[in-house]
């Protein structure tokens, strides 16, 4: 009999489930389940990929210097305090690997991103779930949950899947109130969708206990290439680089991300269109009796009357070729997360939900 077995706790980890992209028996589906930019990547990124394809036989940069310099230039940051990863997910994983071990605690909010829990468990740490207040981060609840074992506090702002966010003053109060051994990780995957919001970058420069993560998967339209980055105090960057693989990002990914980050016009256009269509979609759903919290991201959290109604609505939408996201695993069984697509997609999903609510199923 084999004695091969993973370390304790690994098999207790629930597998991460991404948004569906296909429906059996249905062609030409509209995918609104993964919060992707409906316009895709900018043309400059596509051209960068074509150029990079001629260097596929070469190993990529180990220090990501060109991409880090581009990020620093665009966001007015210190390139030496930037690290790049395979999506911001990998950087979350680095943080858990480097700063937690058995019996340590990792705090996340009750509707927070699933990878916080998964990465904590992989490292052997204990995830600690903290309640939110009507789907909004409760700083007092987080501070009350902190102990001498707390090593990391993950806070997505804007949050996924709720779309809500808290102000800079509350984030500063949280960072100030953490125990001395703890790091506050501000997950800014959706930060670019908030006009004038720096994702917490200035707070990183003011303090020694704050890390900001960002991604190219959302507004930059590069989800398929998996590129993320973080901004942190230099001592933390030095630690994370010791657990980062030397060739974690490909030539193609590096080239596309560098081109995308410099295309500010495309970012502005994507943000403006998202704001317009997000507002329209939320108002259209409300007219059909489906409320949602004020979202600051590229999706809305449509709240149905019960888990049963949410399940039935999801099934009806799938029959119409529309894929949205069930969020029962995030403690929201009566809700559906709907990505903001292009205008035809937004109008179509709102129309179909209206038909569902009217009983035309």
Protein backbone atom coordinates (compact mmCIF):
# COMPACT_ATOMS: atom_id res chain seq x y z
CA UNK A 1 0.00 0.00 0.00
CA UNK A 2 1.34 3.41 -0.93
CA UNK A 3 2.37 5.78 1.84
CA UNK A 4 2.49 8.80 -0.45
CA UNK A 5 0.38 11.61 1.01
CA UNK A 6 0.30 15.41 0.97
CA UNK A 7 1.01 17.37 4.09
CA UNK A 8 -1.92 17.75 6.53
CA UNK A 9 -4.57 20.24 5.46
CA UNK A 10 -4.02 20.16 1.71
CA UNK A 11 -6.97 17.86 0.98
CA UNK A 12 -9.20 20.11 3.10
CA UNK A 13 -8.78 22.93 0.57
CA UNK A 14 -11.83 23.42 -1.64
CA UNK A 15 -10.84 23.81 -5.29
CA UNK A 16 -11.18 27.32 -6.72
CA UNK A 17 -13.97 27.52 -9.27
CA UNK A 18 -13.59 30.07 -12.03
CA UNK A 19 -16.47 31.61 -13.92
CA UNK A 20 -18.11 29.32 -16.47
CA UNK A 21 -17.35 30.01 -20.12
CA UNK A 22 -19.61 27.52 -21.91
CA UNK A 23 -23.11 26.08 -21.70
CA UNK A 24 -23.83 22.57 -22.95
CA UNK A 25 -25.98 22.67 -26.05
CA UNK A 26 -25.89 26.47 -26.38
CA UNK A 27 -23.84 28.27 -29.01
CA UNK A 28 -22.80 31.93 -29.09
CA UNK A 29 -22.94 32.45 -25.35
CA UNK A 30 -22.30 35.81 -23.71
CA UNK A 31 -19.85 35.39 -20.83
CA UNK A 32 -20.50 37.77 -17.93
CA UNK A 33 -19.01 35.60 -15.20
CA UNK A 34 -15.34 36.56 -14.85
CA UNK A 35 -15.24 40.38 -14.81
CA UNK A 36 -13.24 40.59 -18.02
CA UNK A 37 -12.83 43.74 -20.10
CA UNK A 38 -15.43 43.24 -22.89
CA UNK A 39 -13.24 45.22 -25.31
CA UNK A 40 -10.25 42.91 -24.89
CA UNK A 41 -6.66 44.16 -24.72
CA UNK A 42 -5.47 47.35 -26.43
CA UNK A 43 -4.08 47.05 -29.95
CA UNK A 44 -0.59 48.01 -28.74
CA UNK A 45 -0.58 44.91 -26.52
CA UNK A 46 -1.64 42.71 -29.44
CA UNK A 47 1.21 44.13 -31.53
CA UNK A 48 3.67 43.57 -28.67
CA UNK A 49 2.60 39.92 -28.54
CA UNK A 50 3.23 39.55 -32.27
CA UNK A 51 6.72 41.01 -31.90
CA UNK A 52 7.51 38.89 -28.85
CA UNK A 53 6.54 35.72 -30.71
CA UNK A 54 9.84 35.99 -32.60
CA UNK A 55 11.75 35.50 -29.33
CA UNK A 56 9.93 32.45 -27.96
CA UNK A 57 13.17 30.45 -27.93
CA UNK A 58 14.74 32.94 -25.51
CA UNK A 59 14.36 32.86 -21.74
CA UNK A 60 12.53 35.88 -20.31
CA UNK A 61 13.99 38.48 -18.01
CA UNK A 62 14.45 37.29 -14.45
CA UNK A 63 14.05 40.73 -12.88
CA UNK A 64 11.20 42.11 -15.05
CA UNK A 65 13.11 45.39 -15.13
CA UNK A 66 11.43 46.86 -18.22
CA UNK A 67 7.91 46.13 -16.99
CA UNK A 68 8.66 47.38 -13.48
CA UNK A 69 10.09 50.59 -14.96
CA UNK A 70 6.97 51.09 -17.07
CA UNK A 71 4.67 50.54 -14.08
CA UNK A 72 6.76 52.94 -12.00
CA UNK A 73 6.71 55.61 -14.72
CA UNK A 74 2.95 55.43 -15.28
CA UNK A 75 1.99 55.35 -11.60
CA UNK A 76 4.84 57.53 -10.28
CA UNK A 77 6.26 54.77 -8.09
CA UNK A 78 9.69 53.40 -7.12
CA UNK A 79 10.55 50.53 -9.49
CA UNK A 80 12.72 48.89 -6.81
CA UNK A 81 9.60 48.41 -4.68
CA UNK A 82 7.64 46.57 -7.38
CA UNK A 83 7.40 42.80 -7.87
CA UNK A 84 5.61 41.03 -10.73
CA UNK A 85 3.80 37.74 -10.62
CA UNK A 86 1.55 35.34 -12.49
CA UNK A 87 -1.51 37.43 -11.75
CA UNK A 88 -1.87 39.05 -8.36
CA UNK A 89 -2.90 35.56 -7.20
CA UNK A 90 0.72 34.46 -7.26
CA UNK A 91 1.79 37.42 -5.16
CA UNK A 92 -0.91 36.58 -2.62
CA UNK A 93 0.59 33.10 -2.56
CA UNK A 94 4.11 34.52 -2.10
CA UNK A 95 2.96 36.55 0.89
CA UNK A 96 1.42 33.53 2.58
CA UNK A 97 4.47 31.38 1.81
CA UNK A 98 6.93 33.93 3.11
CA UNK A 99 5.14 35.30 6.16
CA UNK A 100 2.96 32.52 7.59
CA UNK A 101 3.32 29.04 8.93
CA UNK A 102 1.41 26.58 11.12
CA UNK A 103 -0.69 28.28 13.83
CA UNK A 104 -0.39 31.73 12.22
CA UNK A 105 -3.62 33.51 11.28
CA UNK A 106 -4.64 35.19 8.02
CA UNK A 107 -7.65 37.53 8.18
CA UNK A 108 -10.08 38.09 5.33
CA UNK A 109 -13.61 39.47 5.20
CA UNK A 110 -16.62 37.19 4.87
CA UNK A 111 -17.21 37.95 1.18
CA UNK A 112 -13.52 38.22 0.30
CA UNK A 113 -11.66 36.63 -2.64
CA UNK A 114 -11.37 32.83 -2.30
CA UNK A 115 -7.60 32.79 -2.93
CA UNK A 116 -6.93 34.39 0.45
CA UNK A 117 -8.25 31.29 2.18
CA UNK A 118 -6.66 28.88 -0.26
CA UNK A 119 -3.19 30.42 -0.12
CA UNK A 120 -3.32 30.61 3.68
CA UNK A 121 -4.19 26.93 3.95
CA UNK A 122 -1.47 25.91 1.49
CA UNK A 123 1.05 27.66 3.73
CA UNK A 124 -0.36 25.85 6.78
CA UNK A 125 -1.85 28.99 8.31
CA UNK A 126 -5.39 29.43 9.62
CA UNK A 127 -7.80 31.63 7.64
CA UNK A 128 -9.90 33.83 9.92
CA UNK A 129 -13.15 35.13 8.43
CA UNK A 130 -14.40 38.50 9.68
CA UNK A 131 -18.00 39.69 9.16
CA UNK A 132 -18.81 42.60 6.89
CA UNK A 133 -21.47 45.20 7.55
CA UNK A 134 -24.15 44.93 4.86
CA UNK A 135 -21.55 43.68 2.36
CA UNK A 136 -19.07 46.47 3.18
CA UNK A 137 -15.74 45.98 4.96
CA UNK A 138 -15.99 46.60 8.71
CA UNK A 139 -12.63 47.91 9.94
CA UNK A 140 -13.62 47.61 13.60
CA UNK A 141 -14.48 43.94 13.10
CA UNK A 142 -11.10 43.30 11.50
CA UNK A 143 -9.22 45.02 14.31
CA UNK A 144 -11.22 43.09 16.89
CA UNK A 145 -10.25 39.81 15.20
CA UNK A 146 -6.50 40.53 15.31
CA UNK A 147 -4.38 38.55 17.75
CA UNK A 148 -0.72 37.90 18.38
CA UNK A 149 -1.00 35.17 15.73
CA UNK A 150 -2.24 37.51 12.98
CA UNK A 151 0.37 37.79 10.22
CA UNK A 152 -1.62 38.94 7.17
CA UNK A 153 -4.84 40.90 6.66
CA UNK A 154 -6.25 40.76 3.13
CA UNK A 155 -8.59 43.53 2.04
CA UNK A 156 -9.89 43.83 -1.53
CA UNK A 157 -10.84 47.43 -2.24
CA UNK A 158 -13.06 47.53 -4.29
CA UNK A 159 -14.18 44.16 -3.06
CA UNK A 160 -15.05 41.15 -5.19
CA UNK A 161 -17.84 39.96 -5.41
CA UNK A 162 -19.70 42.82 -3.70
CA UNK A 163 -18.24 45.78 -5.65
CA UNK A 164 -18.23 47.92 -2.50
CA UNK A 165 -15.22 49.79 -1.11
CA UNK A 166 -14.10 51.75 1.94
CA UNK A 167 -12.41 55.15 2.02
CA UNK A 168 -8.74 55.92 2.52
CA UNK A 169 -9.28 57.21 6.07
CA UNK A 170 -10.68 53.83 7.12
CA UNK A 171 -7.81 51.99 5.45
CA UNK A 172 -5.29 54.23 7.24
CA UNK A 173 -7.04 53.54 10.54
CA UNK A 174 -6.83 49.81 9.86
CA UNK A 175 -3.12 49.94 9.02
CA UNK A 176 -2.41 51.99 12.13
CA UNK A 177 -4.34 49.62 14.38
CA UNK A 178 -2.82 46.32 13.28
CA UNK A 179 -0.54 44.42 15.65
CA UNK A 180 3.18 45.04 14.97
CA UNK A 181 3.81 41.66 13.31
CA UNK A 182 0.95 41.96 10.78
CA UNK A 183 0.93 43.11 7.15
CA UNK A 184 -2.09 44.75 5.53
CA UNK A 185 -2.48 43.60 1.92
CA UNK A 186 -4.63 45.91 -0.20
CA UNK A 187 -5.89 43.94 -3.19
CA UNK A 188 -6.45 46.52 -5.93
CA UNK A 189 -7.52 44.27 -8.79
CA UNK A 190 -10.35 46.71 -9.58
CA UNK A 191 -8.63 49.94 -8.48
CA UNK A 192 -8.39 51.33 -12.02
CA UNK A 193 -12.17 51.45 -12.26
CA UNK A 194 -12.29 54.11 -9.52
CA UNK A 195 -11.43 57.58 -10.81
CA UNK A 196 -8.60 59.16 -8.84
CA UNK A 197 -7.93 56.12 -6.62
CA UNK A 198 -4.30 55.00 -6.33
CA UNK A 199 -5.13 51.60 -4.84
CA UNK A 200 -3.26 52.49 -1.64
CA UNK A 201 0.11 53.28 -3.23
CA UNK A 202 0.73 56.41 -1.16
CA UNK A 203 -0.14 54.52 2.01
CA UNK A 204 2.49 51.91 1.08
CA UNK A 205 5.07 54.70 0.90
CA UNK A 206 3.99 56.08 4.29
CA UNK A 207 4.11 52.82 6.22
CA UNK A 208 6.17 49.67 6.72
CA UNK A 209 3.22 47.29 7.07
CA UNK A 210 1.19 47.81 3.87
CA UNK A 211 1.40 45.98 0.53
CA UNK A 212 -0.69 46.85 -2.55
CA UNK A 213 -1.42 44.25 -5.25
CA UNK A 214 -2.68 45.02 -8.77
CA UNK A 215 -3.45 43.07 -11.93
CA UNK A 216 -3.44 43.34 -15.72
CA UNK A 217 -6.37 40.92 -15.94
CA UNK A 218 -9.19 43.43 -15.60
CA UNK A 219 -9.09 46.90 -17.14
CA UNK A 220 -6.01 46.09 -19.25
CA UNK A 221 -7.76 43.08 -20.79
CA UNK A 222 -4.89 40.60 -20.34
CA UNK A 223 -6.56 37.94 -18.18
CA UNK A 224 -5.37 35.19 -20.51
CA UNK A 225 -1.70 36.10 -19.98
CA UNK A 226 -1.81 36.20 -16.16
CA UNK A 227 0.26 39.22 -15.09
CA UNK A 228 0.03 40.97 -11.75
CA UNK A 229 2.22 43.17 -9.62
CA UNK A 230 2.65 44.49 -6.12
CA UNK A 231 4.05 47.62 -4.52
CA UNK A 232 5.54 47.20 -1.06
CA UNK A 233 8.23 48.40 1.34
CA UNK A 234 11.67 47.37 0.03
CA UNK A 235 12.33 44.83 2.84
CA UNK A 236 9.12 42.99 1.93
CA UNK A 237 9.99 43.04 -1.77
CA UNK A 238 13.38 41.51 -0.92
CA UNK A 239 11.63 38.70 0.94
CA UNK A 240 9.08 38.00 -1.81
CA UNK A 241 11.77 37.84 -4.49
CA UNK A 242 13.34 34.96 -2.56
CA UNK A 243 10.26 32.78 -3.05
CA UNK A 244 9.48 33.97 -6.59
CA UNK A 245 10.60 31.68 -9.39
CA UNK A 246 13.22 33.30 -11.65
CA UNK A 247 11.21 32.89 -14.87
CA UNK A 248 7.65 33.21 -13.59
CA UNK A 249 6.54 35.50 -16.45
CA UNK A 250 6.99 34.77 -20.15
CA UNK A 251 8.45 37.09 -22.78
CA UNK A 252 5.00 37.42 -24.33
CA UNK A 253 3.33 38.34 -21.04
CA UNK A 254 6.02 40.87 -20.14
CA UNK A 255 5.87 42.57 -23.55
CA UNK A 256 2.08 42.77 -23.63
CA UNK A 257 1.85 44.10 -20.08
CA UNK A 258 4.46 46.79 -20.72
CA UNK A 259 2.60 47.97 -23.79
CA UNK A 260 -0.78 47.87 -22.04
CA UNK A 261 0.31 49.85 -18.96
CA UNK A 262 1.55 52.67 -21.19
CA UNK A 263 -1.71 52.95 -23.15
CA UNK A 264 -3.42 55.39 -20.80
CA UNK A 265 -5.97 56.43 -23.41
CA UNK A 266 -7.26 52.86 -23.56
CA UNK A 267 -7.55 52.69 -19.77
CA UNK A 268 -9.50 55.96 -19.67
CA UNK A 269 -11.84 54.77 -22.41
CA UNK A 270 -12.43 51.43 -20.68
CA UNK A 271 -13.11 53.12 -17.34
CA UNK A 272 -15.54 55.62 -18.85
CA UNK A 273 -17.48 52.95 -20.73
CA UNK A 274 -17.58 50.72 -17.66
CA UNK A 275 -18.91 53.56 -15.49
CA UNK A 276 -21.61 54.40 -18.02
CA UNK A 277 -22.78 50.84 -18.57
CA UNK A 278 -22.48 49.83 -14.91
CA UNK A 279 -24.79 52.68 -13.93
CA UNK A 280 -27.22 51.79 -16.69
CA UNK A 281 -27.24 48.09 -15.77
CA UNK A 282 -27.78 48.70 -12.04
CA UNK A 283 -30.67 51.09 -12.77
CA UNK A 284 -32.23 48.70 -15.31
CA UNK A 285 -32.10 45.81 -12.83
CA UNK A 286 -33.60 47.99 -10.11
CA UNK A 287 -36.53 48.78 -12.41
CA UNK A 288 -37.16 45.04 -12.53
CA UNK A 289 -37.10 44.79 -8.73
CA UNK A 290 -33.52 43.53 -8.47
CA UNK A 291 -31.39 45.77 -6.20
CA UNK A 292 -27.61 45.97 -6.00
CA UNK A 293 -25.15 47.84 -3.83
CA UNK A 294 -23.33 50.79 -5.36
CA UNK A 295 -20.52 49.10 -7.27
CA UNK A 296 -17.13 50.68 -7.89
CA UNK A 297 -15.81 47.78 -9.99
CA UNK A 298 -16.71 46.28 -13.38
CA UNK A 299 -19.63 44.18 -12.17
CA UNK A 300 -22.81 44.47 -10.17
CA UNK A 301 -24.02 42.12 -7.45
CA UNK A 302 -27.68 41.52 -8.29
CA UNK A 303 -29.61 40.53 -5.17
CA UNK A 304 -32.58 38.20 -5.67
CA UNK A 305 -35.20 37.44 -3.03
CA UNK A 306 -33.92 33.96 -2.07
CA UNK A 307 -31.34 31.29 -2.96
CA UNK A 308 -34.05 29.47 -4.87
CA UNK A 309 -34.86 32.53 -6.98
CA UNK A 310 -31.17 33.15 -7.67
CA UNK A 311 -30.73 29.57 -8.81
CA UNK A 312 -33.80 29.73 -11.02
CA UNK A 313 -32.72 33.05 -12.52
CA UNK A 314 -29.26 31.68 -13.27
CA UNK A 315 -30.78 28.63 -14.97
CA UNK A 316 -33.09 30.85 -17.04
CA UNK A 317 -30.22 33.09 -18.13
CA UNK A 318 -28.18 30.08 -19.19
CA UNK A 319 -31.04 28.93 -21.41
CA UNK A 320 -30.83 32.36 -23.06
CA UNK A 321 -27.09 31.95 -23.60
CA UNK A 322 -26.05 34.27 -20.77
CA UNK A 323 -23.42 33.17 -18.23
CA UNK A 324 -23.28 35.08 -14.93
CA UNK A 325 -21.65 34.02 -11.64
CA UNK A 326 -23.32 32.27 -8.75
CA UNK A 327 -21.65 33.43 -5.52
CA UNK A 328 -22.98 30.97 -2.96
CA UNK A 329 -19.39 30.03 -2.16
CA UNK A 330 -18.81 33.63 -1.08
CA UNK A 331 -21.67 33.52 1.40
CA UNK A 332 -24.13 35.20 -0.97
CA UNK A 333 -26.53 32.43 -2.04
CA UNK A 334 -29.29 34.87 -3.05
CA UNK A 335 -27.10 36.90 -5.39
CA UNK A 336 -25.71 36.77 -8.91
CA UNK A 337 -22.55 38.64 -9.87
CA UNK A 338 -22.94 40.11 -13.35
CA UNK A 339 -19.91 41.46 -15.20
CA UNK A 340 -20.38 44.71 -17.07
CA UNK A 341 -20.14 43.70 -20.71
CA UNK A 342 -20.49 45.82 -23.81
CA UNK A 343 -23.75 47.65 -24.39
CA UNK A 344 -25.57 44.82 -26.25
CA UNK A 345 -24.63 42.35 -23.52
CA UNK A 346 -25.83 44.68 -20.74
CA UNK A 347 -29.13 45.32 -22.49
CA UNK A 348 -29.61 41.64 -23.18
CA UNK A 349 -29.01 40.46 -19.61
CA UNK A 350 -31.23 43.21 -18.16
CA UNK A 351 -34.01 42.35 -20.61
CA UNK A 352 -33.82 38.64 -19.78
CA UNK A 353 -33.86 39.26 -16.03
CA UNK A 354 -36.90 41.47 -16.58
CA UNK A 355 -38.64 38.62 -18.40
CA UNK A 356 -37.68 36.22 -15.60
CA UNK A 357 -39.05 38.53 -12.91
CA UNK A 358 -42.26 38.98 -14.91
CA UNK A 359 -42.73 35.22 -14.90
CA UNK A 360 -42.08 34.67 -18.60
CA UNK A 361 -39.90 31.59 -18.16
